[in-house]
Amino acid sequence: MADERYQWLDQETAERLLRGEPVDADDDRACSGAKRLAEALDEARTPATPPAARTDLPGEAAALAAFRAAHAERAASAT
């Protein structure tokens, strides 16, 4: 079922992934999902150099800047 697809993703796991911390997965499906999500979040954290012809979606730059600022703030407060 669709609802069972993300049972492994509880609040604590989500917070760990957002902080860039590793997570323990119980099974292969959860491990695969956690890995894919971690990779996507890593990509979002890394500033990209957009191609000259590309235009941002409305609000895209602000959303990415807010995500990166929140991540940097959490990383700074953790040290």
C-alpha atoms as a PDB file:
ATOM      1  CA  MET A   1       0.000   0.000   0.000  1.00  0.00           C
ATOM      2  CA  ALA A   2       1.050   3.582  -0.542  1.00  0.00           C
ATOM      3  CA  ASP A   3       0.791   4.370   3.176  1.00  0.00           C
ATOM      4  CA  GLU A   4       3.246   1.577   4.005  1.00  0.00           C
ATOM      5  CA  ARG A   5       5.818   2.889   1.567  1.00  0.00           C
ATOM      6  CA  TYR A   6       7.327   5.377   3.992  1.00  0.00           C
ATOM      7  CA  GLN A   7       6.705   3.719   7.360  1.00  0.00           C
ATOM      8  CA  TRP A   8      10.460   3.793   7.990  1.00  0.00           C
ATOM      9  CA  LEU A   9      10.478   7.594   7.693  1.00  0.00           C
ATOM     10  CA  ASP A  10       9.480   8.732  11.163  1.00  0.00           C
ATOM     11  CA  GLN A  11      10.170  12.213  12.545  1.00  0.00           C
ATOM     12  CA  GLU A  12      13.518  11.265  14.102  1.00  0.00           C
ATOM     13  CA  THR A  13      14.732   9.662  10.860  1.00  0.00           C
ATOM     14  CA  ALA A  14      13.605  12.682   8.842  1.00  0.00           C
ATOM     15  CA  GLU A  15      15.471  15.045  11.162  1.00  0.00           C
ATOM     16  CA  ARG A  16      18.634  12.926  10.917  1.00  0.00           C
ATOM     17  CA  LEU A  17      18.433  12.962   7.111  1.00  0.00           C
ATOM     18  CA  LEU A  18      17.863  16.724   7.067  1.00  0.00           C
ATOM     19  CA  ARG A  19      20.959  17.176   9.254  1.00  0.00           C
ATOM     20  CA  GLY A  20      22.974  14.991   6.871  1.00  0.00           C
ATOM     21  CA  GLU A  21      23.433  12.249   9.464  1.00  0.00           C
ATOM     22  CA  PRO A  22      23.386   8.534   8.614  1.00  0.00           C
ATOM     23  CA  VAL A  23      20.294   6.505   9.422  1.00  0.00           C
ATOM     24  CA  ASP A  24      19.837   2.843  10.264  1.00  0.00           C
ATOM     25  CA  ALA A  25      17.330   1.064   8.055  1.00  0.00           C
ATOM     26  CA  ASP A  26      15.658  -2.194   9.036  1.00  0.00           C
ATOM     27  CA  ASP A  27      15.297  -3.703   5.582  1.00  0.00           C
ATOM     28  CA  ASP A  28      16.536  -3.337   2.010  1.00  0.00           C
ATOM     29  CA  ARG A  29      13.528  -1.294   0.891  1.00  0.00           C
ATOM     30  CA  ALA A  30      13.922   1.198   3.742  1.00  0.00           C
ATOM     31  CA  CYS A  31      17.692   1.323   3.198  1.00  0.00           C
ATOM     32  CA  SER A  32      17.191   2.067  -0.496  1.00  0.00           C
ATOM     33  CA  GLY A  33      14.626   4.781   0.257  1.00  0.00           C
ATOM     34  CA  ALA A  34      16.836   6.380   2.895  1.00  0.00           C
ATOM     35  CA  LYS A  35      19.812   6.370   0.535  1.00  0.00           C
ATOM     36  CA  ARG A  36      17.833   7.977  -2.304  1.00  0.00           C
ATOM     37  CA  LEU A  37      16.402  10.627   0.007  1.00  0.00           C
ATOM     38  CA  ALA A  38      19.830  11.364   1.530  1.00  0.00           C
ATOM     39  CA  GLU A  39      21.315  11.784  -1.957  1.00  0.00           C
ATOM     40  CA  ALA A  40      18.519  14.159  -2.979  1.00  0.00           C
ATOM     41  CA  LEU A  41      18.994  16.239   0.176  1.00  0.00           C
ATOM     42  CA  ASP A  42      22.764  16.330  -0.393  1.00  0.00           C
ATOM     43  CA  GLU A  43      22.132  17.661  -3.896  1.00  0.00           C
ATOM     44  CA  ALA A  44      19.796  20.324  -2.509  1.00  0.00           C
ATOM     45  CA  ARG A  45      22.434  21.401   0.040  1.00  0.00           C
ATOM     46  CA  THR A  46      25.089  21.867  -2.632  1.00  0.00           C
ATOM     47  CA  PRO A  47      24.852  25.163  -4.483  1.00  0.00           C
ATOM     48  CA  ALA A  48      24.675  24.463  -8.190  1.00  0.00           C
ATOM     49  CA  THR A  49      25.826  26.615 -11.037  1.00  0.00           C
ATOM     50  CA  PRO A  50      22.800  26.772 -13.316  1.00  0.00           C
ATOM     51  CA  PRO A  51      23.266  26.796 -17.075  1.00  0.00           C
ATOM     52  CA  ALA A  52      23.019  30.278 -18.555  1.00  0.00           C
ATOM     53  CA  ALA A  53      19.831  29.466 -20.486  1.00  0.00           C
ATOM     54  CA  ARG A  54      17.998  27.968 -17.492  1.00  0.00           C
ATOM     55  CA  THR A  55      15.387  30.001 -15.678  1.00  0.00           C
ATOM     56  CA  ASP A  56      14.417  29.276 -12.082  1.00  0.00           C
ATOM     57  CA  LEU A  57      10.920  28.331 -11.113  1.00  0.00           C
ATOM     58  CA  PRO A  58       9.026  31.005  -9.178  1.00  0.00           C
ATOM     59  CA  GLY A  59      10.301  30.932  -5.596  1.00  0.00           C
ATOM     60  CA  GLU A  60      12.962  28.304  -6.325  1.00  0.00           C
ATOM     61  CA  ALA A  61      15.929  30.475  -5.365  1.00  0.00           C
ATOM     62  CA  ALA A  62      14.275  31.597  -2.133  1.00  0.00           C
ATOM     63  CA  ALA A  63      13.303  28.036  -1.177  1.00  0.00           C
ATOM     64  CA  LEU A  64      16.819  26.711  -1.775  1.00  0.00           C
ATOM     65  CA  ALA A  65      18.380  29.630   0.087  1.00  0.00           C
ATOM     66  CA  ALA A  66      16.087  29.029   3.078  1.00  0.00           C
ATOM     67  CA  PHE A  67      16.885  25.299   3.101  1.00  0.00           C
ATOM     68  CA  ARG A  68      20.633  25.942   2.919  1.00  0.00           C
ATOM     69  CA  ALA A  69      20.471  28.625   5.620  1.00  0.00           C
ATOM     70  CA  ALA A  70      18.538  26.321   7.950  1.00  0.00           C
ATOM     71  CA  HIS A  71      21.041  23.527   7.338  1.00  0.00           C
ATOM     72  CA  ALA A  72      24.002  25.836   7.957  1.00  0.00           C
ATOM     73  CA  GLU A  73      22.379  27.178  11.135  1.00  0.00           C
ATOM     74  CA  ARG A  74      21.793  23.665  12.492  1.00  0.00           C
ATOM     75  CA  ALA A  75      25.331  22.628  11.598  1.00  0.00           C
ATOM     76  CA  ALA A  76      26.758  25.698  13.345  1.00  0.00           C
ATOM     77  CA  SER A  77      24.687  25.151  16.494  1.00  0.00           C
ATOM     78  CA  ALA A  78      25.711  21.480  16.638  1.00  0.00           C
ATOM     79  CA  THR A  79      29.383  22.348  16.953  1.00  0.00           C
END
